[in-house]
PDB file of N, CA and C in Angstrom:
ATOM      1  N   MET A   1      70.265  66.026-175.074  1.00  0.00           N
ATOM      2  CA  MET A   1      69.269  66.025-174.045  1.00  0.00           C
ATOM      3  C   MET A   1      67.959  66.601-174.580  1.00  0.00           C
ATOM      4  N   PHE A   2      68.008  67.765-175.254  1.00  0.00           N
ATOM      5  CA  PHE A   2      66.824  68.385-175.832  1.00  0.00           C
ATOM      6  C   PHE A   2      67.057  68.611-177.317  1.00  0.00           C
ATOM      7  N   ASP A   3      66.008  68.453-178.116  1.00  0.00           N
ATOM      8  CA  ASP A   3      66.121  68.701-179.554  1.00  0.00           C
ATOM      9  C   ASP A   3      66.250  70.183-179.863  1.00  0.00           C
ATOM     10  N   LYS A   4      65.568  71.008-179.061  1.00  0.00           N
ATOM     11  CA  LYS A   4      65.594  72.454-179.288  1.00  0.00           C
ATOM     12  C   LYS A   4      65.465  73.165-177.946  1.00  0.00           C
ATOM     13  N   VAL A   5      66.174  74.284-177.795  1.00  0.00           N
ATOM     14  CA  VAL A   5      66.083  75.123-176.599  1.00  0.00           C
ATOM     15  C   VAL A   5      65.683  76.518-177.060  1.00  0.00           C
ATOM     16  N   VAL A   6      64.657  77.086-176.423  1.00  0.00           N
ATOM     17  CA  VAL A   6      64.207  78.437-176.746  1.00  0.00           C
ATOM     18  C   VAL A   6      64.415  79.307-175.517  1.00  0.00           C
ATOM     19  N   ILE A   7      65.090  80.426-175.700  1.00  0.00           N
ATOM     20  CA  ILE A   7      65.313  81.386-174.627  1.00  0.00           C
ATOM     21  C   ILE A   7      64.388  82.564-174.885  1.00  0.00           C
ATOM     22  N   ALA A   8      63.471  82.800-173.956  1.00  0.00           N
ATOM     23  CA  ALA A   8      62.507  83.891-174.105  1.00  0.00           C
ATOM     24  C   ALA A   8      63.029  85.141-173.414  1.00  0.00           C
ATOM     25  N   VAL A   9      63.007  86.237-174.132  1.00  0.00           N
ATOM     26  CA  VAL A   9      63.390  87.536-173.583  1.00  0.00           C
ATOM     27  C   VAL A   9      62.101  88.322-173.379  1.00  0.00           C
ATOM     28  N   ALA A  10      61.838  88.714-172.136  1.00  0.00           N
ATOM     29  CA  ALA A  10      60.577  89.391-171.818  1.00  0.00           C
ATOM     30  C   ALA A  10      60.567  90.815-172.366  1.00  0.00           C
ATOM     31  N   ALA A  11      59.446  91.173-172.988  1.00  0.00           N
ATOM     32  CA  ALA A  11      59.294  92.523-173.528  1.00  0.00           C
ATOM     33  C   ALA A  11      59.160  93.544-172.399  1.00  0.00           C
ATOM     34  N   SER A  12      58.422  93.238-171.349  1.00  0.00           N
ATOM     35  CA  SER A  12      58.260  94.075-170.150  1.00  0.00           C
ATOM     36  C   SER A  12      57.959  95.542-170.452  1.00  0.00           C
ATOM     37  N   PRO A  13      56.880  95.841-171.165  1.00  0.00           N
ATOM     38  CA  PRO A  13      56.587  97.239-171.506  1.00  0.00           C
ATOM     39  C   PRO A  13      56.273  98.119-170.289  1.00  0.00           C
ATOM     40  N   GLY A  14      55.843  97.527-169.189  1.00  0.00           N
ATOM     41  CA  GLY A  14      55.514  98.307-167.998  1.00  0.00           C
ATOM     42  C   GLY A  14      56.705  98.610-167.110  1.00  0.00           C
ATOM     43  N   LYS A  15      57.874  98.102-167.459  1.00  0.00           N
ATOM     44  CA  LYS A  15      59.085  98.317-166.665  1.00  0.00           C
ATOM     45  C   LYS A  15      60.068  99.174-167.450  1.00  0.00           C
ATOM     46  N   SER A  16      61.095  99.629-166.789  1.00  0.00           N
ATOM     47  CA  SER A  16      62.150 100.383-167.477  1.00  0.00           C
ATOM     48  C   SER A  16      63.485  99.662-167.276  1.00  0.00           C
ATOM     49  N   PRO A  17      63.744  98.611-168.095  1.00  0.00           N
ATOM     50  CA  PRO A  17      64.985  97.842-167.955  1.00  0.00           C
ATOM     51  C   PRO A  17      66.210  98.678-168.342  1.00  0.00           C
ATOM     52  N   ASN A  18      67.355  98.245-167.858  1.00  0.00           N
ATOM     53  CA  ASN A  18      68.610  98.943-168.171  1.00  0.00           C
ATOM     54  C   ASN A  18      68.948  98.883-169.662  1.00  0.00           C
ATOM     55  N   LEU A  19      68.592  97.778-170.306  1.00  0.00           N
ATOM     56  CA  LEU A  19      68.864  97.606-171.732  1.00  0.00           C
ATOM     57  C   LEU A  19      67.546  97.487-172.481  1.00  0.00           C
ATOM     58  N   ASP A  20      67.451  98.108-173.650  1.00  0.00           N
ATOM     59  CA  ASP A  20      66.212  97.995-174.419  1.00  0.00           C
ATOM     60  C   ASP A  20      66.080  96.590-174.991  1.00  0.00           C
ATOM     61  N   LEU A  21      64.899  96.277-175.484  1.00  0.00           N
ATOM     62  CA  LEU A  21      64.589  94.931-175.960  1.00  0.00           C
ATOM     63  C   LEU A  21      65.526  94.501-177.089  1.00  0.00           C
ATOM     64  N   GLU A  22      65.794  95.377-178.025  1.00  0.00           N
ATOM     65  CA  GLU A  22      66.657  95.028-179.159  1.00  0.00           C
ATOM     66  C   GLU A  22      68.066  94.670-178.688  1.00  0.00           C
ATOM     67  N   THR A  23      68.588  95.403-177.719  1.00  0.00           N
ATOM     68  CA  THR A  23      69.926  95.125-177.187  1.00  0.00           C
ATOM     69  C   THR A  23      69.941  93.785-176.461  1.00  0.00           C
ATOM     70  N   ARG A  24      68.922  93.532-175.657  1.00  0.00           N
ATOM     71  CA  ARG A  24      68.851  92.256-174.941  1.00  0.00           C
ATOM     72  C   ARG A  24      68.748  91.085-175.907  1.00  0.00           C
ATOM     73  N   MET A  25      67.944  91.246-176.975  1.00  0.00           N
ATOM     74  CA  MET A  25      67.830  90.180-177.972  1.00  0.00           C
ATOM     75  C   MET A  25      69.165  89.938-178.669  1.00  0.00           C
ATOM     76  N   GLU A  26      69.865  91.002-179.007  1.00  0.00           N
ATOM     77  CA  GLU A  26      71.166  90.855-179.671  1.00  0.00           C
ATOM     78  C   GLU A  26      72.163  90.138-178.767  1.00  0.00           C
ATOM     79  N   LEU A  27      72.188  90.456-177.495  1.00  0.00           N
ATOM     80  CA  LEU A  27      73.089  89.786-176.552  1.00  0.00           C
ATOM     81  C   LEU A  27      72.782  88.295-176.450  1.00  0.00           C
ATOM     82  N   VAL A  28      71.512  87.958-176.401  1.00  0.00           N
ATOM     83  CA  VAL A  28      71.134  86.544-176.336  1.00  0.00           C
ATOM     84  C   VAL A  28      71.519  85.839-177.633  1.00  0.00           C
ATOM     85  N   LYS A  29      71.229  86.449-178.769  1.00  0.00           N
ATOM     86  CA  LYS A  29      71.571  85.834-180.058  1.00  0.00           C
ATOM     87  C   LYS A  29      73.069  85.585-180.173  1.00  0.00           C
ATOM     88  N   ARG A  30      73.870  86.537-179.742  1.00  0.00           N
ATOM     89  CA  ARG A  30      75.329  86.358-179.779  1.00  0.00           C
ATOM     90  C   ARG A  30      75.769  85.228-178.852  1.00  0.00           C
ATOM     91  N   SER A  31      75.123  85.122-177.721  1.00  0.00           N
ATOM     92  CA  SER A  31      75.501  84.114-176.728  1.00  0.00           C
ATOM     93  C   SER A  31      75.172  82.690-177.175  1.00  0.00           C
ATOM     94  N   VAL A  32      74.106  82.518-177.950  1.00  0.00           N
ATOM     95  CA  VAL A  32      73.675  81.168-178.307  1.00  0.00           C
ATOM     96  C   VAL A  32      73.987  80.791-179.761  1.00  0.00           C
ATOM     97  N   ARG A  33      74.618  81.648-180.518  1.00  0.00           N
ATOM     98  CA  ARG A  33      74.822  81.349-181.946  1.00  0.00           C
ATOM     99  C   ARG A  33      75.687  80.114-182.185  1.00  0.00           C
ATOM    100  N   ARG A  34      76.494  79.712-181.230  1.00  0.00           N
ATOM    101  CA  ARG A  34      77.314  78.511-181.418  1.00  0.00           C
ATOM    102  C   ARG A  34      76.512  77.223-181.228  1.00  0.00           C
ATOM    103  N   TYR A  35      75.277  77.352-180.752  1.00  0.00           N
ATOM    104  CA  TYR A  35      74.414  76.197-180.543  1.00  0.00           C
ATOM    105  C   TYR A  35      73.290  76.228-181.586  1.00  0.00           C
ATOM    106  N   PRO A  36      73.401  75.453-182.637  1.00  0.00           N
ATOM    107  CA  PRO A  36      72.451  75.551-183.743  1.00  0.00           C
ATOM    108  C   PRO A  36      71.004  75.206-183.378  1.00  0.00           C
ATOM    109  N   THR A  37      70.789  74.444-182.321  1.00  0.00           N
ATOM    110  CA  THR A  37      69.419  74.083-181.954  1.00  0.00           C
ATOM    111  C   THR A  37      68.822  75.033-180.918  1.00  0.00           C
ATOM    112  N   TRP A  38      69.554  76.063-180.548  1.00  0.00           N
ATOM    113  CA  TRP A  38      69.053  77.055-179.591  1.00  0.00           C
ATOM    114  C   TRP A  38      68.583  78.269-180.369  1.00  0.00           C
ATOM    115  N   LYS A  39      67.499  78.875-179.913  1.00  0.00           N
ATOM    116  CA  LYS A  39      67.035  80.104-180.545  1.00  0.00           C
ATOM    117  C   LYS A  39      66.449  81.021-179.489  1.00  0.00           C
ATOM    118  N   SER A  40      66.352  82.286-179.820  1.00  0.00           N
ATOM    119  CA  SER A  40      65.794  83.266-178.887  1.00  0.00           C
ATOM    120  C   SER A  40      64.489  83.801-179.442  1.00  0.00           C
ATOM    121  N   SER A  41      63.642  84.231-178.538  1.00  0.00           N
ATOM    122  CA  SER A  41      62.338  84.749-178.922  1.00  0.00           C
ATOM    123  C   SER A  41      61.883  85.780-177.916  1.00  0.00           C
ATOM    124  N   VAL A  42      61.108  86.758-178.387  1.00  0.00           N
ATOM    125  CA  VAL A  42      60.544  87.774-177.485  1.00  0.00           C
ATOM    126  C   VAL A  42      59.276  87.209-176.874  1.00  0.00           C
ATOM    127  N   PHE A  43      59.119  87.432-175.582  1.00  0.00           N
ATOM    128  CA  PHE A  43      57.919  86.978-174.888  1.00  0.00           C
ATOM    129  C   PHE A  43      57.320  88.143-174.119  1.00  0.00           C
ATOM    130  N   PRO A  44      56.073  88.408-174.169  1.00  0.00           N
ATOM    131  CA  PRO A  44      55.154  87.825-175.145  1.00  0.00           C
ATOM    132  C   PRO A  44      55.430  88.392-176.528  1.00  0.00           C
ATOM    133  N   PRO A  45      55.157  87.602-177.560  1.00  0.00           N
ATOM    134  CA  PRO A  45      55.422  88.088-178.914  1.00  0.00           C
ATOM    135  C   PRO A  45      54.546  89.303-179.245  1.00  0.00           C
ATOM    136  N   TYR A  46      55.123  90.229-179.945  1.00  0.00           N
ATOM    137  CA  TYR A  46      54.358  91.417-180.348  1.00  0.00           C
ATOM    138  C   TYR A  46      54.704  91.854-181.737  1.00  0.00           C
TER     139      TYR A  46
END
C-alpha cells in the first residue's frame, strides 16, 4: 500500500510525559523492526 511509513515521536519539551523521549523512541523502534520499510523519527527534529 505504501512504499515507506514514518512514525513520528513528539519531543514535547513543554510537557512532562510518563516516558522520556529515548524510551519512547526505543519502544517504537522495537515495535516496527519487523517492517523493513517502516522507520521512526523524532518530531520536531532537534
